Amino acid sequence: MGSQNQGSTTTTSAGNPDSLVTDKVDQKGQVQTSGQNLSDTNYTNLSPNFTPTSDWPNALSFTNKNNAQRAQLFLHGLLGSIPVLVNKSGENNEKFQATDQKWSYTELKSDQTKLNLPAYGEVNGLLNPALVETYFGTTRTSSTANQNSTTVPGIGFKIPEQNNDSKAVLITPGLAWTPQDVGNLVVSGTSFSFQLGGWLVSFTDFVKPRAGYLGLQLTGLDASDATQRALIWAPPALSGLSWQLGQPVGPRGECVGFEGGVGGSSSVRLARIYHHRNRGYLTGAPECFGLSGECGGSECLQAKHELRPNPIH
């Protein structure tokens, strides 16, 4: 990508919300020891060719072949389709804490003071699609009387009407993204982050031992905003994104949309995925994708799950 600057270091790389140990993988895909230096790669702007996989070989890849809006379509589809695990466990700025995330159940007290729900899709068998409220150019009135109403497109979290104060916008994707709207992409080992509006979106390669989730964290950039929060998005199945964004649109019908997988954590080495670009499907252990079913032994690495139609030859 012409807009990338190689070799610089920064402290703004994607974090690890649960402080899990992850491998250090350099730009050639080699695992580095703790004694070796691993520099970050900075992208001041995302070009229309959104392909950070040269820096993150064992995790997600994004392609944009002959489609100037691929980055826009990817981000729009990503933020609108994966589940969001929202934790409202404390008061004020302590409402959303990574350490309090519950990955296996929904907890809601009668007084609404503790809320932990997957806001869209299914997380560990909990399906709550009605909890998402989408704003596209609508007026949202602040809960504070002396603040003006604002027009904020975005995805909001809906809880019972008697508690309107918690009806907050989580992120503002809008409908007209361009690659230039997404800036400050930093690729660091097996993690990367980028800025989207007032949020820092961070992908990490950690995998929950009992869930097999890839982590996505949102962090508010405005320190003066009392409602800023850190959220963890946990897609249990990357296949939904693949079907949504991976249509065969190449010159020979090859799939050129979202290509994804998880890997890199030493505790889940079997979850590594290998993408066959000339075949149009992903191979790997089914649990890598959050899919149902059992898989044990060496055959896990050979298991195939077709996430896209085969290319047309």
Protein backbone atom coordinates (compact mmCIF):
# COMPACT_ATOMS: atom_id res chain seq x y z
CA MET A 1 0.00 0.00 0.00
CA GLY A 2 1.38 3.30 -0.98
CA SER A 3 0.25 5.04 2.17
CA GLN A 4 2.03 2.79 4.64
CA ASN A 5 5.15 3.74 6.55
CA GLN A 6 7.29 0.79 7.45
CA GLY A 7 9.52 0.28 10.42
CA SER A 8 8.34 2.89 12.94
CA THR A 9 7.36 2.07 16.48
CA THR A 10 4.36 3.26 18.42
CA THR A 11 2.49 2.58 21.62
CA THR A 12 -0.92 2.80 19.97
CA SER A 13 -1.07 -0.77 18.75
CA ALA A 14 -4.04 -2.95 19.48
CA GLY A 15 -4.30 -4.09 23.05
CA ASN A 16 -5.16 -7.38 24.64
CA PRO A 17 -8.27 -6.77 26.77
CA ASP A 18 -7.84 -9.90 28.84
CA SER A 19 -4.05 -9.74 29.15
CA LEU A 20 -3.66 -13.14 27.53
CA VAL A 21 -0.21 -14.13 26.35
CA THR A 22 0.09 -13.99 22.57
CA ASP A 23 2.89 -14.93 20.23
CA LYS A 24 4.98 -12.27 18.57
CA VAL A 25 4.83 -12.76 14.82
CA ASP A 26 6.96 -10.66 12.53
CA GLN A 27 6.03 -9.47 9.04
CA LYS A 28 7.40 -12.68 7.53
CA GLY A 29 5.24 -14.82 9.75
CA GLN A 30 8.07 -15.95 12.01
CA VAL A 31 7.41 -16.29 15.73
CA GLN A 32 9.81 -14.09 17.68
CA THR A 33 11.12 -14.65 21.17
CA SER A 34 10.77 -12.12 23.96
CA GLY A 35 14.36 -11.00 23.43
CA GLN A 36 13.74 -9.86 19.87
CA ASN A 37 12.31 -6.51 18.89
CA LEU A 38 9.06 -6.38 16.97
CA SER A 39 8.34 -3.05 15.35
CA ASP A 40 4.88 -1.79 14.50
CA THR A 41 3.78 -0.86 11.02
CA ASN A 42 1.81 2.35 10.70
CA TYR A 43 -0.67 3.31 8.00
CA THR A 44 -1.64 6.96 8.22
CA ASN A 45 -4.57 6.30 5.90
CA LEU A 46 -6.09 3.17 4.51
CA SER A 47 -5.75 3.09 0.77
CA PRO A 48 -8.57 1.51 -1.27
CA ASN A 49 -6.38 -1.60 -1.26
CA PHE A 50 -7.02 -2.64 2.33
CA THR A 51 -4.56 -5.53 2.72
CA PRO A 52 -2.63 -5.64 6.02
CA THR A 53 -2.07 -9.39 5.75
CA SER A 54 1.58 -9.00 4.81
CA ASP A 55 2.03 -7.79 8.39
CA TRP A 56 -0.39 -10.19 10.07
CA PRO A 57 -0.09 -13.52 8.25
CA ASN A 58 -1.81 -15.78 10.78
CA ALA A 59 -4.92 -13.77 11.47
CA LEU A 60 -7.36 -11.74 9.38
CA SER A 61 -6.92 -10.70 5.78
CA PHE A 62 -8.88 -8.20 3.79
CA THR A 63 -8.81 -7.99 0.02
CA ASN A 64 -9.98 -5.37 -2.40
CA LYS A 65 -9.56 -6.50 -5.97
CA ASN A 66 -11.03 -4.22 -8.61
CA ASN A 67 -13.44 -2.69 -6.12
CA ALA A 68 -12.76 0.80 -4.84
CA GLN A 69 -15.41 0.46 -2.13
CA ARG A 70 -14.27 -2.84 -0.66
CA ALA A 71 -12.94 -1.30 2.54
CA GLN A 72 -16.19 0.58 2.99
CA LEU A 73 -18.24 -2.55 2.39
CA PHE A 74 -16.10 -4.57 4.75
CA LEU A 75 -16.37 -2.13 7.62
CA HIS A 76 -20.07 -1.55 7.09
CA GLY A 77 -20.71 -5.28 7.02
CA LEU A 78 -18.42 -5.98 9.95
CA LEU A 79 -19.92 -3.45 12.31
CA GLY A 80 -23.44 -4.35 11.26
CA SER A 81 -23.25 -8.11 11.46
CA ILE A 82 -21.04 -9.43 14.24
CA PRO A 83 -22.27 -9.83 17.81
CA VAL A 84 -21.38 -7.29 20.44
CA LEU A 85 -20.85 -8.36 24.01
CA VAL A 86 -21.78 -5.32 26.06
CA ASN A 87 -21.00 -5.28 29.75
CA LYS A 88 -22.74 -2.76 32.00
CA SER A 89 -21.40 -3.86 35.34
CA GLY A 90 -20.60 -0.70 37.26
CA GLU A 91 -21.48 2.95 37.56
CA ASN A 92 -20.63 5.90 35.32
CA ASN A 93 -17.23 5.39 33.68
CA GLU A 94 -16.92 1.96 35.29
CA LYS A 95 -19.88 0.52 33.42
CA PHE A 96 -17.86 -1.26 30.77
CA GLN A 97 -14.92 -3.28 32.02
CA ALA A 98 -13.06 -5.96 30.12
CA THR A 99 -12.36 -7.81 33.36
CA ASP A 100 -16.09 -8.23 33.98
CA GLN A 101 -17.06 -9.67 30.61
CA LYS A 102 -19.31 -12.69 30.88
CA TRP A 103 -18.94 -15.01 27.92
CA SER A 104 -21.39 -17.72 28.86
CA TYR A 105 -24.61 -16.23 30.15
CA THR A 106 -26.86 -13.19 30.28
CA GLU A 107 -27.24 -11.37 33.56
CA LEU A 108 -29.83 -8.64 34.07
CA LYS A 109 -30.88 -7.38 37.47
CA SER A 110 -34.37 -6.03 38.04
CA ASP A 111 -33.04 -2.53 38.71
CA GLN A 112 -31.02 -2.57 35.46
CA THR A 113 -27.77 -1.90 37.31
CA LYS A 114 -26.00 -4.89 35.86
CA LEU A 115 -26.44 -5.84 32.26
CA ASN A 116 -24.49 -8.28 30.18
CA LEU A 117 -26.07 -9.17 26.88
CA PRO A 118 -24.91 -9.98 23.38
CA ALA A 119 -26.36 -7.04 21.50
CA TYR A 120 -26.61 -8.74 18.13
CA GLY A 121 -26.56 -12.31 16.94
CA GLU A 122 -25.71 -15.29 19.06
CA VAL A 123 -23.09 -15.59 21.77
CA ASN A 124 -22.89 -18.98 23.47
CA GLY A 125 -26.44 -19.80 22.49
CA LEU A 126 -27.97 -16.47 23.51
CA LEU A 127 -29.88 -14.87 20.66
CA ASN A 128 -30.87 -11.26 21.23
CA PRO A 129 -31.25 -9.52 17.85
CA ALA A 130 -33.84 -7.08 19.18
CA LEU A 131 -31.32 -5.42 21.45
CA VAL A 132 -29.68 -3.52 18.63
CA GLU A 133 -30.95 -0.10 17.70
CA THR A 134 -29.53 1.34 14.52
CA TYR A 135 -29.37 5.07 13.95
CA PHE A 136 -28.87 6.40 10.44
CA GLY A 137 -29.06 10.15 10.52
CA THR A 138 -31.74 10.22 13.22
CA THR A 139 -31.82 12.67 16.09
CA ARG A 140 -30.73 11.33 19.45
CA THR A 141 -31.49 13.47 22.48
CA SER A 142 -28.92 13.47 25.23
CA SER A 143 -30.04 12.40 28.69
CA THR A 144 -28.60 15.63 30.09
CA ALA A 145 -31.16 18.42 29.85
CA ASN A 146 -28.70 21.21 29.11
CA GLN A 147 -27.09 19.42 26.18
CA ASN A 148 -28.33 19.80 22.65
CA SER A 149 -29.77 16.97 20.66
CA THR A 150 -27.34 15.50 18.17
CA THR A 151 -27.72 13.72 14.88
CA VAL A 152 -25.51 10.67 15.16
CA PRO A 153 -25.62 7.72 12.77
CA GLY A 154 -24.53 4.56 14.45
CA ILE A 155 -25.37 1.34 16.19
CA GLY A 156 -26.94 1.67 19.61
CA PHE A 157 -27.75 -0.66 22.44
CA LYS A 158 -31.43 -0.93 23.31
CA ILE A 159 -32.61 -1.93 26.77
CA PRO A 160 -36.06 -1.51 28.36
CA GLU A 161 -37.67 1.87 27.85
CA GLN A 162 -37.84 2.62 31.56
CA ASN A 163 -34.09 3.09 31.47
CA ASN A 164 -33.62 5.47 28.55
CA ASP A 165 -30.35 6.82 29.94
CA SER A 166 -28.62 3.61 28.92
CA LYS A 167 -29.82 3.88 25.34
CA ALA A 168 -26.41 4.99 24.13
CA VAL A 169 -24.82 4.96 20.71
CA LEU A 170 -21.89 2.57 20.74
CA ILE A 171 -20.27 3.42 17.42
CA THR A 172 -21.09 5.64 14.48
CA PRO A 173 -20.43 3.82 11.22
CA GLY A 174 -22.73 5.85 9.02
CA LEU A 175 -23.55 4.83 5.49
CA ALA A 176 -20.98 6.62 3.38
CA TRP A 177 -17.56 5.48 4.50
CA THR A 178 -14.55 5.92 2.29
CA PRO A 179 -11.11 4.44 2.95
CA GLN A 180 -9.95 7.90 3.98
CA ASP A 181 -12.47 7.91 6.82
CA VAL A 182 -10.50 5.16 8.53
CA GLY A 183 -7.10 6.35 9.66
CA ASN A 184 -4.11 5.56 11.81
CA LEU A 185 -3.99 1.85 11.11
CA VAL A 186 -1.29 0.23 13.23
CA VAL A 187 -0.24 -3.38 12.70
CA SER A 188 1.76 -4.81 15.57
CA GLY A 189 2.66 -8.46 15.46
CA THR A 190 -0.59 -10.38 15.57
CA SER A 191 -2.78 -7.39 16.39
CA PHE A 192 -3.88 -4.28 14.61
CA SER A 193 -5.93 -1.22 15.35
CA PHE A 194 -7.35 1.71 13.45
CA GLN A 195 -9.29 4.85 14.17
CA LEU A 196 -12.90 5.12 13.08
CA GLY A 197 -14.53 8.40 13.98
CA GLY A 198 -14.21 8.83 17.74
CA TRP A 199 -13.30 5.21 18.38
CA LEU A 200 -10.15 3.17 18.31
CA VAL A 201 -11.03 -0.24 16.89
CA SER A 202 -8.57 -2.92 17.98
CA PHE A 203 -8.37 -6.48 16.70
CA THR A 204 -6.42 -8.89 18.88
CA ASP A 205 -5.49 -12.48 18.26
CA PHE A 206 -6.52 -13.73 21.69
CA VAL A 207 -8.89 -16.66 21.71
CA LYS A 208 -11.10 -17.38 24.68
CA PRO A 209 -10.20 -20.91 25.81
CA ARG A 210 -13.82 -21.97 26.30
CA ALA A 211 -15.33 -20.06 23.43
CA GLY A 212 -12.82 -19.76 20.60
CA TYR A 213 -13.58 -16.13 19.87
CA LEU A 214 -11.49 -13.60 18.07
CA GLY A 215 -11.43 -10.33 19.97
CA LEU A 216 -12.39 -6.88 18.77
CA GLN A 217 -12.22 -3.99 21.21
CA LEU A 218 -13.64 -0.50 20.87
CA THR A 219 -12.16 2.32 22.92
CA GLY A 220 -13.45 5.89 23.03
CA LEU A 221 -10.84 8.48 22.04
CA ASP A 222 -12.42 11.50 23.73
CA ALA A 223 -11.14 11.49 27.31
CA SER A 224 -13.50 14.33 28.20
CA ASP A 225 -16.54 12.30 27.20
CA ALA A 226 -18.11 10.88 30.34
CA THR A 227 -19.79 8.15 28.30
CA GLN A 228 -16.62 6.79 26.76
CA ARG A 229 -16.21 3.08 27.19
CA ALA A 230 -14.22 0.08 26.12
CA LEU A 231 -16.27 -2.63 24.47
CA ILE A 232 -15.31 -6.09 23.30
CA TRP A 233 -16.90 -7.46 20.16
CA ALA A 234 -16.82 -11.23 19.97
CA PRO A 235 -17.81 -12.80 16.66
CA PRO A 236 -18.49 -16.49 17.32
CA ALA A 237 -18.59 -17.39 13.63
CA LEU A 238 -16.61 -15.71 10.90
CA SER A 239 -18.66 -17.59 8.32
CA GLY A 240 -21.41 -14.97 8.47
CA LEU A 241 -19.01 -12.28 7.36
CA SER A 242 -17.57 -14.50 4.69
CA TRP A 243 -20.94 -15.15 3.15
CA GLN A 244 -21.95 -11.53 3.40
CA LEU A 245 -18.79 -9.99 2.00
CA GLY A 246 -17.09 -12.77 0.10
CA GLN A 247 -19.10 -12.92 -3.09
CA PRO A 248 -17.21 -14.28 -6.11
CA VAL A 249 -16.60 -11.04 -7.94
CA GLY A 250 -13.14 -11.64 -9.42
CA PRO A 251 -12.46 -12.03 -13.15
CA ARG A 252 -12.74 -15.82 -12.88
CA GLY A 253 -15.39 -15.78 -10.19
CA GLU A 254 -12.89 -16.13 -7.38
CA CYS A 255 -13.89 -14.87 -3.97
CA VAL A 256 -12.29 -11.55 -3.25
CA GLY A 257 -14.15 -10.28 -0.19
CA PHE A 258 -13.58 -10.95 3.48
CA GLU A 259 -11.04 -13.65 4.25
CA GLY A 260 -10.60 -14.44 7.90
CA GLY A 261 -9.37 -16.71 10.56
CA VAL A 262 -7.91 -16.77 14.02
CA GLY A 263 -4.55 -17.91 15.18
CA GLY A 264 -1.30 -16.99 16.83
CA SER A 265 -1.98 -17.72 20.48
CA SER A 266 0.30 -20.42 21.84
CA SER A 267 -2.62 -21.93 23.78
CA VAL A 268 -4.70 -22.49 20.66
CA ARG A 269 -2.15 -23.52 18.07
CA LEU A 270 -4.60 -26.03 16.59
CA ALA A 271 -6.91 -23.17 15.73
CA ARG A 272 -4.65 -21.90 12.98
CA ILE A 273 -6.38 -21.52 9.66
CA TYR A 274 -5.00 -21.81 6.19
CA HIS A 275 -6.70 -19.94 3.42
CA HIS A 276 -6.47 -21.34 -0.10
CA ARG A 277 -6.88 -18.30 -2.31
CA ASN A 278 -7.14 -20.37 -5.46
CA ARG A 279 -9.90 -22.55 -4.04
CA GLY A 280 -12.16 -20.06 -2.32
CA TYR A 281 -12.58 -21.80 1.03
CA LEU A 282 -10.96 -21.89 4.43
CA THR A 283 -9.56 -24.97 6.10
CA GLY A 284 -9.00 -25.49 9.76
CA ALA A 285 -10.50 -26.82 12.92
CA PRO A 286 -14.27 -26.12 12.91
CA GLU A 287 -14.12 -24.67 16.39
CA CYS A 288 -11.92 -21.88 15.01
CA PHE A 289 -15.02 -20.46 13.39
CA GLY A 290 -17.29 -20.92 16.39
CA LEU A 291 -19.10 -23.69 14.54
CA SER A 292 -20.98 -26.46 16.24
CA GLY A 293 -19.76 -30.02 16.27
CA GLU A 294 -16.96 -32.10 17.67
CA CYS A 295 -13.47 -32.37 16.27
CA GLY A 296 -10.62 -34.20 17.92
CA GLY A 297 -7.16 -35.42 17.08
CA SER A 298 -4.95 -34.62 14.12
CA GLU A 299 -7.89 -34.65 11.71
CA CYS A 300 -8.94 -31.26 13.09
CA LEU A 301 -6.25 -29.56 11.11
CA GLN A 302 -7.49 -31.23 7.95
CA ALA A 303 -11.15 -30.46 8.50
CA LYS A 304 -12.62 -28.24 5.84
CA HIS A 305 -15.48 -25.85 6.11
CA GLU A 306 -16.57 -24.11 2.95
CA LEU A 307 -17.42 -20.51 3.70
CA ARG A 308 -17.77 -19.41 0.09
CA PRO A 309 -18.72 -21.01 -3.19
CA ASN A 310 -15.87 -22.56 -5.13
CA PRO A 311 -14.39 -20.32 -7.81
CA ILE A 312 -15.56 -20.60 -11.37
CA HIS A 313 -12.86 -21.89 -13.70
